[in-house]
C-alpha atoms as a PDB file:
ATOM      1  CA  MET A   1      63.621 102.981 227.722  1.00  0.00           C
ATOM      2  CA  GLY A   2      61.198 105.548 229.145  1.00  0.00           C
ATOM      3  CA  SER A   3      60.906 109.062 227.801  1.00  0.00           C
ATOM      4  CA  GLU A   4      63.114 110.360 230.612  1.00  0.00           C
ATOM      5  CA  THR A   5      65.942 107.934 229.837  1.00  0.00           C
ATOM      6  CA  LEU A   6      66.197 108.135 226.045  1.00  0.00           C
ATOM      7  CA  GLY A   7      69.762 107.781 224.827  1.00  0.00           C
ATOM      8  CA  VAL A   8      71.465 110.506 222.824  1.00  0.00           C
ATOM      9  CA  GLY A   9      70.935 108.534 219.608  1.00  0.00           C
ATOM     10  CA  ALA A  10      67.200 108.277 220.244  1.00  0.00           C
ATOM     11  CA  LEU A  11      67.011 112.013 220.953  1.00  0.00           C
ATOM     12  CA  ILE A  12      68.816 112.722 217.687  1.00  0.00           C
ATOM     13  CA  ALA A  13      66.390 110.440 215.859  1.00  0.00           C
ATOM     14  CA  ALA A  14      63.514 112.402 217.427  1.00  0.00           C
ATOM     15  CA  LEU A  15      64.625 115.696 215.836  1.00  0.00           C
ATOM     16  CA  LYS A  16      61.919 116.999 213.498  1.00  0.00           C
ATOM     17  CA  PRO A  17      62.276 119.629 210.734  1.00  0.00           C
ATOM     18  CA  SER A  18      60.814 122.968 211.797  1.00  0.00           C
ATOM     19  CA  GLY A  19      60.990 125.920 209.418  1.00  0.00           C
ATOM     20  CA  ASP A  20      64.666 126.557 208.731  1.00  0.00           C
ATOM     21  CA  GLY A  21      65.789 124.370 211.629  1.00  0.00           C
ATOM     22  CA  TRP A  22      65.036 121.365 213.803  1.00  0.00           C
ATOM     23  CA  GLN A  23      62.891 120.880 216.863  1.00  0.00           C
ATOM     24  CA  THR A  24      62.796 118.386 219.736  1.00  0.00           C
ATOM     25  CA  THR A  25      61.898 118.114 223.425  1.00  0.00           C
ATOM     26  CA  VAL A  26      64.455 117.761 226.222  1.00  0.00           C
ATOM     27  CA  PRO A  27      63.340 114.943 228.550  1.00  0.00           C
ATOM     28  CA  ASP A  28      63.408 115.613 232.292  1.00  0.00           C
ATOM     29  CA  GLY A  29      65.982 112.839 232.644  1.00  0.00           C
ATOM     30  CA  TRP A  30      68.540 114.967 230.778  1.00  0.00           C
ATOM     31  CA  LEU A  31      68.154 118.097 232.909  1.00  0.00           C
ATOM     32  CA  GLN A  32      70.932 119.653 234.949  1.00  0.00           C
ATOM     33  CA  GLY A  33      69.031 121.867 237.336  1.00  0.00           C
ATOM     34  CA  ARG A  34      66.646 123.941 235.229  1.00  0.00           C
ATOM     35  CA  THR A  35      68.484 123.484 231.932  1.00  0.00           C
ATOM     36  CA  ALA A  36      69.522 120.681 229.632  1.00  0.00           C
ATOM     37  CA  TYR A  37      72.860 119.058 230.443  1.00  0.00           C
ATOM     38  CA  GLY A  38      75.431 121.010 228.433  1.00  0.00           C
ATOM     39  CA  GLY A  39      76.997 117.938 226.852  1.00  0.00           C
ATOM     40  CA  LEU A  40      73.609 116.870 225.486  1.00  0.00           C
ATOM     41  CA  SER A  41      72.699 120.254 223.998  1.00  0.00           C
ATOM     42  CA  SER A  42      76.214 120.515 222.507  1.00  0.00           C
ATOM     43  CA  ALA A  43      75.952 117.017 221.014  1.00  0.00           C
ATOM     44  CA  LEU A  44      72.579 117.852 219.445  1.00  0.00           C
ATOM     45  CA  ALA A  45      74.056 121.078 218.069  1.00  0.00           C
ATOM     46  CA  LEU A  46      76.966 119.173 216.533  1.00  0.00           C
ATOM     47  CA  HIS A  47      74.624 116.704 214.873  1.00  0.00           C
ATOM     48  CA  VAL A  48      72.639 119.562 213.328  1.00  0.00           C
ATOM     49  CA  ALA A  49      75.883 121.186 212.153  1.00  0.00           C
ATOM     50  CA  GLN A  50      76.960 117.927 210.527  1.00  0.00           C
ATOM     51  CA  ARG A  51      73.599 117.713 208.760  1.00  0.00           C
ATOM     52  CA  SER A  52      73.833 121.296 207.484  1.00  0.00           C
ATOM     53  CA  ASP A  53      76.381 120.594 204.725  1.00  0.00           C
ATOM     54  CA  VAL A  54      77.732 117.733 202.633  1.00  0.00           C
ATOM     55  CA  ASP A  55      81.105 116.012 202.950  1.00  0.00           C
ATOM     56  CA  LEU A  56      82.245 118.006 205.950  1.00  0.00           C
ATOM     57  CA  PRO A  57      85.757 117.170 207.144  1.00  0.00           C
ATOM     58  CA  PRO A  58      86.304 115.945 210.719  1.00  0.00           C
ATOM     59  CA  LEU A  59      85.393 118.151 213.682  1.00  0.00           C
ATOM     60  CA  ARG A  60      88.535 119.628 215.238  1.00  0.00           C
ATOM     61  CA  SER A  61      87.236 122.434 217.460  1.00  0.00           C
ATOM     62  CA  ALA A  62      84.042 123.553 219.180  1.00  0.00           C
ATOM     63  CA  GLN A  63      83.446 126.912 220.881  1.00  0.00           C
ATOM     64  CA  ILE A  64      80.254 126.881 222.933  1.00  0.00           C
ATOM     65  CA  ALA A  65      78.513 129.582 224.949  1.00  0.00           C
ATOM     66  CA  PHE A  66      75.840 128.511 227.439  1.00  0.00           C
ATOM     67  CA  ILE A  67      73.709 131.640 227.294  1.00  0.00           C
ATOM     68  CA  GLY A  68      70.496 130.692 229.057  1.00  0.00           C
ATOM     69  CA  PRO A  69      68.342 127.764 230.244  1.00  0.00           C
ATOM     70  CA  LEU A  70      67.092 125.186 227.759  1.00  0.00           C
ATOM     71  CA  SER A  71      64.256 122.818 228.639  1.00  0.00           C
ATOM     72  CA  GLY A  72      61.059 121.519 227.128  1.00  0.00           C
ATOM     73  CA  VAL A  73      60.701 122.183 223.399  1.00  0.00           C
ATOM     74  CA  ILE A  74      63.903 123.509 221.806  1.00  0.00           C
ATOM     75  CA  THR A  75      64.717 124.682 218.279  1.00  0.00           C
ATOM     76  CA  LEU A  76      68.121 124.263 216.626  1.00  0.00           C
ATOM     77  CA  ARG A  77      69.290 126.284 213.613  1.00  0.00           C
ATOM     78  CA  ALA A  78      72.588 125.927 211.739  1.00  0.00           C
ATOM     79  CA  GLU A  79      74.336 128.553 209.627  1.00  0.00           C
ATOM     80  CA  ARG A  80      77.410 128.117 207.441  1.00  0.00           C
ATOM     81  CA  LEU A  81      79.832 130.916 208.280  1.00  0.00           C
ATOM     82  CA  ARG A  82      82.541 129.916 205.838  1.00  0.00           C
ATOM     83  CA  ARG A  83      83.603 126.909 203.797  1.00  0.00           C
ATOM     84  CA  GLY A  84      87.111 126.888 202.389  1.00  0.00           C
ATOM     85  CA  ARG A  85      89.263 124.257 200.729  1.00  0.00           C
ATOM     86  CA  ASN A  86      90.305 122.610 204.013  1.00  0.00           C
ATOM     87  CA  ALA A  87      88.058 124.063 206.727  1.00  0.00           C
ATOM     88  CA  ALA A  88      84.385 124.761 207.351  1.00  0.00           C
ATOM     89  CA  TYR A  89      82.870 126.946 210.080  1.00  0.00           C
ATOM     90  CA  VAL A  90      79.281 126.250 211.134  1.00  0.00           C
ATOM     91  CA  GLN A  91      77.320 128.127 213.798  1.00  0.00           C
ATOM     92  CA  VAL A  92      74.384 126.521 215.603  1.00  0.00           C
ATOM     93  CA  ASP A  93      71.918 128.350 217.848  1.00  0.00           C
ATOM     94  CA  ILE A  94      69.551 126.533 220.201  1.00  0.00           C
ATOM     95  CA  SER A  95      66.534 128.406 221.538  1.00  0.00           C
ATOM     96  CA  GLY A  96      63.747 127.538 223.960  1.00  0.00           C
ATOM     97  CA  ASP A  97      60.888 129.268 225.723  1.00  0.00           C
ATOM     98  CA  ALA A  98      63.381 131.555 227.506  1.00  0.00           C
ATOM     99  CA  GLY A  99      65.048 132.613 224.245  1.00  0.00           C
ATOM    100  CA  LEU A 100      68.549 131.865 222.995  1.00  0.00           C
ATOM    101  CA  GLY A 101      70.128 129.245 225.242  1.00  0.00           C
ATOM    102  CA  LEU A 102      73.236 128.050 223.397  1.00  0.00           C
ATOM    103  CA  ARG A 103      75.434 129.283 220.581  1.00  0.00           C
ATOM    104  CA  ALA A 104      78.117 126.993 219.198  1.00  0.00           C
ATOM    105  CA  MET A 105      80.713 127.414 216.480  1.00  0.00           C
ATOM    106  CA  PHE A 106      82.072 124.166 215.084  1.00  0.00           C
ATOM    107  CA  VAL A 107      85.282 124.079 213.047  1.00  0.00           C
ATOM    108  CA  PHE A 108      85.692 121.128 210.689  1.00  0.00           C
ATOM    109  CA  VAL A 109      89.204 120.682 209.273  1.00  0.00           C
ATOM    110  CA  ALA A 110      90.532 118.182 206.745  1.00  0.00           C
ATOM    111  CA  THR A 111      93.640 116.209 207.640  1.00  0.00           C
ATOM    112  CA  MET A 112      96.712 117.482 205.800  1.00  0.00           C
ATOM    113  CA  ALA A 113     100.267 116.271 205.277  1.00  0.00           C
ATOM    114  CA  SER A 114     102.641 117.958 207.710  1.00  0.00           C
ATOM    115  CA  SER A 115     106.333 117.904 208.592  1.00  0.00           C
ATOM    116  CA  ILE A 116     105.388 118.173 212.303  1.00  0.00           C
ATOM    117  CA  ASP A 117     104.271 115.277 214.503  1.00  0.00           C
ATOM    118  CA  HIS A 118     104.575 116.401 218.135  1.00  0.00           C
ATOM    119  CA  ARG A 119     102.404 114.695 220.743  1.00  0.00           C
ATOM    120  CA  THR A 120     102.538 114.801 224.523  1.00  0.00           C
ATOM    121  CA  GLY A 121     100.296 113.872 227.404  1.00  0.00           C
ATOM    122  CA  ARG A 122      99.939 110.118 226.794  1.00  0.00           C
ATOM    123  CA  HIS A 123     101.120 109.080 230.250  1.00  0.00           C
ATOM    124  CA  THR A 124      98.521 109.023 232.994  1.00  0.00           C
ATOM    125  CA  ASP A 125      98.358 107.324 236.365  1.00  0.00           C
ATOM    126  CA  CYS A 126      94.687 106.315 236.085  1.00  0.00           C
ATOM    127  CA  PRO A 127      94.413 102.774 234.636  1.00  0.00           C
ATOM    128  CA  PRO A 128      91.443 101.994 232.376  1.00  0.00           C
ATOM    129  CA  PRO A 129      88.492  99.928 233.564  1.00  0.00           C
ATOM    130  CA  MET A 130      88.956  96.183 233.609  1.00  0.00           C
ATOM    131  CA  LEU A 131      86.535  93.931 231.736  1.00  0.00           C
ATOM    132  CA  GLU A 132      83.279  93.669 233.706  1.00  0.00           C
ATOM    133  CA  GLU A 133      84.532  96.093 236.370  1.00  0.00           C
ATOM    134  CA  PRO A 134      81.389  97.496 238.042  1.00  0.00           C
ATOM    135  CA  GLY A 135      80.675 101.191 237.894  1.00  0.00           C
ATOM    136  CA  SER A 136      78.181 103.528 239.504  1.00  0.00           C
ATOM    137  CA  PHE A 137      75.180 105.052 237.760  1.00  0.00           C
ATOM    138  CA  GLY A 138      74.914 108.706 238.550  1.00  0.00           C
ATOM    139  CA  ILE A 139      73.737 110.844 241.413  1.00  0.00           C
ATOM    140  CA  PRO A 140      69.992 110.725 242.241  1.00  0.00           C
ATOM    141  CA  ALA A 141      69.836 114.485 242.855  1.00  0.00           C
ATOM    142  CA  VAL A 142      71.325 115.295 239.412  1.00  0.00           C
ATOM    143  CA  ALA A 143      68.942 113.937 236.774  1.00  0.00           C
ATOM    144  CA  PHE A 144      71.225 113.776 233.730  1.00  0.00           C
ATOM    145  CA  THR A 145      73.908 111.683 235.493  1.00  0.00           C
ATOM    146  CA  LYS A 146      71.624 108.637 235.357  1.00  0.00           C
ATOM    147  CA  ASN A 147      72.527 108.412 231.660  1.00  0.00           C
ATOM    148  CA  PHE A 148      76.190 107.673 232.486  1.00  0.00           C
ATOM    149  CA  GLU A 149      78.305 105.021 234.157  1.00  0.00           C
ATOM    150  CA  PHE A 150      81.252 106.161 236.293  1.00  0.00           C
ATOM    151  CA  ILE A 151      84.372 104.525 237.695  1.00  0.00           C
ATOM    152  CA  ASP A 152      86.540 106.447 240.155  1.00  0.00           C
ATOM    153  CA  ARG A 153      90.136 105.756 241.061  1.00  0.00           C
ATOM    154  CA  PRO A 154      90.763 106.715 244.728  1.00  0.00           C
ATOM    155  CA  ASP A 155      94.251 108.142 244.089  1.00  0.00           C
ATOM    156  CA  ALA A 156      93.352 110.092 240.931  1.00  0.00           C
ATOM    157  CA  THR A 157      91.396 113.009 242.416  1.00  0.00           C
ATOM    158  CA  THR A 158      93.151 115.985 244.038  1.00  0.00           C
ATOM    159  CA  PRO A 159      91.867 118.961 246.096  1.00  0.00           C
ATOM    160  CA  THR A 160      91.471 121.019 242.890  1.00  0.00           C
ATOM    161  CA  ALA A 161      90.631 118.351 240.294  1.00  0.00           C
ATOM    162  CA  TRP A 162      88.276 115.559 239.312  1.00  0.00           C
ATOM    163  CA  ARG A 163      89.469 112.548 237.314  1.00  0.00           C
ATOM    164  CA  ARG A 164      87.004 109.830 236.431  1.00  0.00           C
ATOM    165  CA  TRP A 165      86.284 107.146 233.824  1.00  0.00           C
ATOM    166  CA  VAL A 166      82.909 107.809 232.191  1.00  0.00           C
ATOM    167  CA  ARG A 167      80.761 106.224 229.507  1.00  0.00           C
ATOM    168  CA  LEU A 168      77.260 106.723 228.153  1.00  0.00           C
ATOM    169  CA  ARG A 169      74.881 103.949 229.136  1.00  0.00           C
ATOM    170  CA  ASP A 170      73.315 104.059 225.654  1.00  0.00           C
ATOM    171  CA  ARG A 171      75.767 104.739 222.815  1.00  0.00           C
ATOM    172  CA  THR A 172      73.629 103.299 220.028  1.00  0.00           C
ATOM    173  CA  ALA A 173      74.268 104.671 216.525  1.00  0.00           C
ATOM    174  CA  LEU A 174      76.285 107.718 217.636  1.00  0.00           C
ATOM    175  CA  ASP A 175      78.815 109.575 215.520  1.00  0.00           C
ATOM    176  CA  PRO A 176      82.146 109.398 217.443  1.00  0.00           C
ATOM    177  CA  ALA A 177      82.477 113.191 217.795  1.00  0.00           C
ATOM    178  CA  VAL A 178      78.849 113.512 218.930  1.00  0.00           C
ATOM    179  CA  GLU A 179      79.457 110.811 221.554  1.00  0.00           C
ATOM    180  CA  LEU A 180      82.591 112.571 222.763  1.00  0.00           C
ATOM    181  CA  LEU A 181      80.816 115.925 223.197  1.00  0.00           C
ATOM    182  CA  ALA A 182      77.966 114.207 225.033  1.00  0.00           C
ATOM    183  CA  VAL A 183      80.446 112.728 227.528  1.00  0.00           C
ATOM    184  CA  ALA A 184      83.155 115.390 227.831  1.00  0.00           C
ATOM    185  CA  ASP A 185      81.214 117.886 229.969  1.00  0.00           C
ATOM    186  CA  CYS A 186      79.788 115.538 232.589  1.00  0.00           C
ATOM    187  CA  LEU A 187      82.307 116.050 235.431  1.00  0.00           C
ATOM    188  CA  PRO A 188      81.309 118.484 238.191  1.00  0.00           C
ATOM    189  CA  PRO A 189      83.186 121.812 238.008  1.00  0.00           C
ATOM    190  CA  ALA A 190      86.598 121.413 239.637  1.00  0.00           C
ATOM    191  CA  ALA A 191      85.954 124.417 241.896  1.00  0.00           C
ATOM    192  CA  LEU A 192      83.455 122.309 243.826  1.00  0.00           C
ATOM    193  CA  ARG A 193      86.444 120.365 245.146  1.00  0.00           C
ATOM    194  CA  LEU A 194      87.557 123.580 246.861  1.00  0.00           C
ATOM    195  CA  ILE A 195      84.109 124.267 248.290  1.00  0.00           C
ATOM    196  CA  GLY A 196      83.822 120.711 249.577  1.00  0.00           C
ATOM    197  CA  ARG A 197      80.052 120.461 249.241  1.00  0.00           C
ATOM    198  CA  PRO A 198      77.302 120.784 246.624  1.00  0.00           C
ATOM    199  CA  ALA A 199      76.795 124.379 245.487  1.00  0.00           C
ATOM    200  CA  PRO A 200      74.968 126.146 242.644  1.00  0.00           C
ATOM    201  CA  VAL A 201      77.229 126.582 239.615  1.00  0.00           C
ATOM    202  CA  SER A 202      76.698 127.371 235.936  1.00  0.00           C
ATOM    203  CA  SER A 203      78.962 126.667 232.966  1.00  0.00           C
ATOM    204  CA  MET A 204      79.368 129.831 230.880  1.00  0.00           C
ATOM    205  CA  THR A 205      81.729 128.903 228.044  1.00  0.00           C
ATOM    206  CA  TRP A 206      83.351 125.720 226.757  1.00  0.00           C
ATOM    207  CA  LEU A 207      86.214 125.283 224.296  1.00  0.00           C
ATOM    208  CA  VAL A 208      86.991 121.802 222.963  1.00  0.00           C
ATOM    209  CA  ASN A 209      89.917 120.953 220.662  1.00  0.00           C
ATOM    210  CA  LEU A 210      89.934 117.413 219.294  1.00  0.00           C
ATOM    211  CA  LEU A 211      93.387 115.858 218.967  1.00  0.00           C
ATOM    212  CA  MET A 212      92.465 113.151 216.461  1.00  0.00           C
ATOM    213  CA  PRO A 213      90.151 113.253 213.428  1.00  0.00           C
ATOM    214  CA  VAL A 214      87.945 110.416 214.698  1.00  0.00           C
ATOM    215  CA  PRO A 215      87.867 109.947 218.497  1.00  0.00           C
ATOM    216  CA  ARG A 216      87.968 106.257 219.393  1.00  0.00           C
ATOM    217  CA  THR A 217      88.022 104.222 222.593  1.00  0.00           C
ATOM    218  CA  ARG A 218      87.124 100.715 223.811  1.00  0.00           C
ATOM    219  CA  ASP A 219      83.821  99.765 225.408  1.00  0.00           C
ATOM    220  CA  GLY A 220      82.689 103.405 225.459  1.00  0.00           C
ATOM    221  CA  TRP A 221      85.030 104.430 228.312  1.00  0.00           C
ATOM    222  CA  TRP A 222      86.654 107.890 228.355  1.00  0.00           C
ATOM    223  CA  LEU A 223      88.917 109.260 231.073  1.00  0.00           C
ATOM    224  CA  LEU A 224      87.918 112.829 231.962  1.00  0.00           C
ATOM    225  CA  ASN A 225      89.924 115.360 233.944  1.00  0.00           C
ATOM    226  CA  ALA A 226      88.906 118.823 235.163  1.00  0.00           C
ATOM    227  CA  HIS A 227      91.370 121.018 237.052  1.00  0.00           C
ATOM    228  CA  THR A 228      91.142 124.611 238.252  1.00  0.00           C
ATOM    229  CA  ASP A 229      94.068 126.910 238.997  1.00  0.00           C
ATOM    230  CA  HIS A 230      91.913 129.978 239.592  1.00  0.00           C
ATOM    231  CA  ALA A 231      88.573 130.358 241.339  1.00  0.00           C
ATOM    232  CA  SER A 232      87.602 133.687 242.935  1.00  0.00           C
ATOM    233  CA  GLU A 233      84.942 136.392 242.914  1.00  0.00           C
ATOM    234  CA  GLY A 234      82.286 133.975 241.698  1.00  0.00           C
ATOM    235  CA  TYR A 235      84.161 132.712 238.639  1.00  0.00           C
ATOM    236  CA  SER A 236      86.433 129.755 237.910  1.00  0.00           C
ATOM    237  CA  SER A 237      88.558 128.976 234.870  1.00  0.00           C
ATOM    238  CA  GLN A 238      89.287 125.298 234.491  1.00  0.00           C
ATOM    239  CA  ARG A 239      91.367 123.140 232.180  1.00  0.00           C
ATOM    240  CA  MET A 240      89.940 119.806 231.064  1.00  0.00           C
ATOM    241  CA  ALA A 241      91.158 116.802 229.115  1.00  0.00           C
ATOM    242  CA  VAL A 242      89.924 113.505 227.685  1.00  0.00           C
ATOM    243  CA  TRP A 243      91.904 110.289 227.164  1.00  0.00           C
ATOM    244  CA  ASN A 244      90.801 106.994 225.613  1.00  0.00           C
ATOM    245  CA  THR A 245      91.396 103.510 227.036  1.00  0.00           C
ATOM    246  CA  ASP A 246      94.829 103.383 225.347  1.00  0.00           C
ATOM    247  CA  LEU A 247      95.635 106.418 227.551  1.00  0.00           C
ATOM    248  CA  THR A 248      96.075 108.506 224.412  1.00  0.00           C
ATOM    249  CA  PRO A 249      94.925 112.154 224.602  1.00  0.00           C
ATOM    250  CA  VAL A 250      91.714 112.694 222.637  1.00  0.00           C
ATOM    251  CA  ALA A 251      90.688 116.288 223.490  1.00  0.00           C
ATOM    252  CA  GLU A 252      91.899 119.374 225.330  1.00  0.00           C
ATOM    253  CA  GLN A 253      89.353 121.767 226.830  1.00  0.00           C
ATOM    254  CA  MET A 254      88.820 124.934 228.820  1.00  0.00           C
ATOM    255  CA  GLN A 255      85.677 126.063 230.575  1.00  0.00           C
ATOM    256  CA  GLY A 256      84.491 129.172 232.392  1.00  0.00           C
ATOM    257  CA  VAL A 257      82.176 128.496 235.330  1.00  0.00           C
ATOM    258  CA  ALA A 258      80.080 130.873 237.464  1.00  0.00           C
ATOM    259  CA  ILE A 259      80.013 129.893 241.152  1.00  0.00           C
ATOM    260  CA  PHE A 260      77.151 131.079 243.356  1.00  0.00           C
ATOM    261  CA  ALA A 261      78.739 130.182 246.703  1.00  0.00           C
END
């Protein structure tokens, strides 16, 4: 693959130690406008967090702030905030030429015996891809989307929501949680459905709660949903979700998005 189409695994392998952190270069093929695609920078941050300590429990929550643009050479630094008996909190900052671009806090939590087992949200009306069902490969005007394959269901999208099956084209040697973060942010903001045309937008914050210790699916396919109930005065709050091919909920999310239209 060319330098602009390196998979997430290859980009992780390209990380080099630099002082008290790690350094790499964001290829042009992973840009979203003038910054790195947020799912990629978050996935790299998670990998660095996982490398920062030994025997971390599974990732259960990520709180991410997209502070500024990240492109070219970037530096990632991890800091342990707290490690208790069952949970560990790790902060990762990513900086580039423009300064601090991303700050993430990852919460790793061990599975524990519990008297509660309450689960909802398994039913969905968007059937998984069939074997060998053809998908589409991104949008030419949005560089990072070339790294994904998409399948739409005509009846699954509403005037305020996107719903789409998505998978990474190259999933080689990826930790399951890293793969999930790389995929989970790749839908357009739901507010664009209300605008009805391309418009400049910018993700500001992203909260991800994982609903299983190890996210799993078949053939790399994940069903993503993004829905907005409120978009006004240049800002949208949207709810997001991820299911696997068994139509089991894998993650719940929220995101704040600035809208310049």
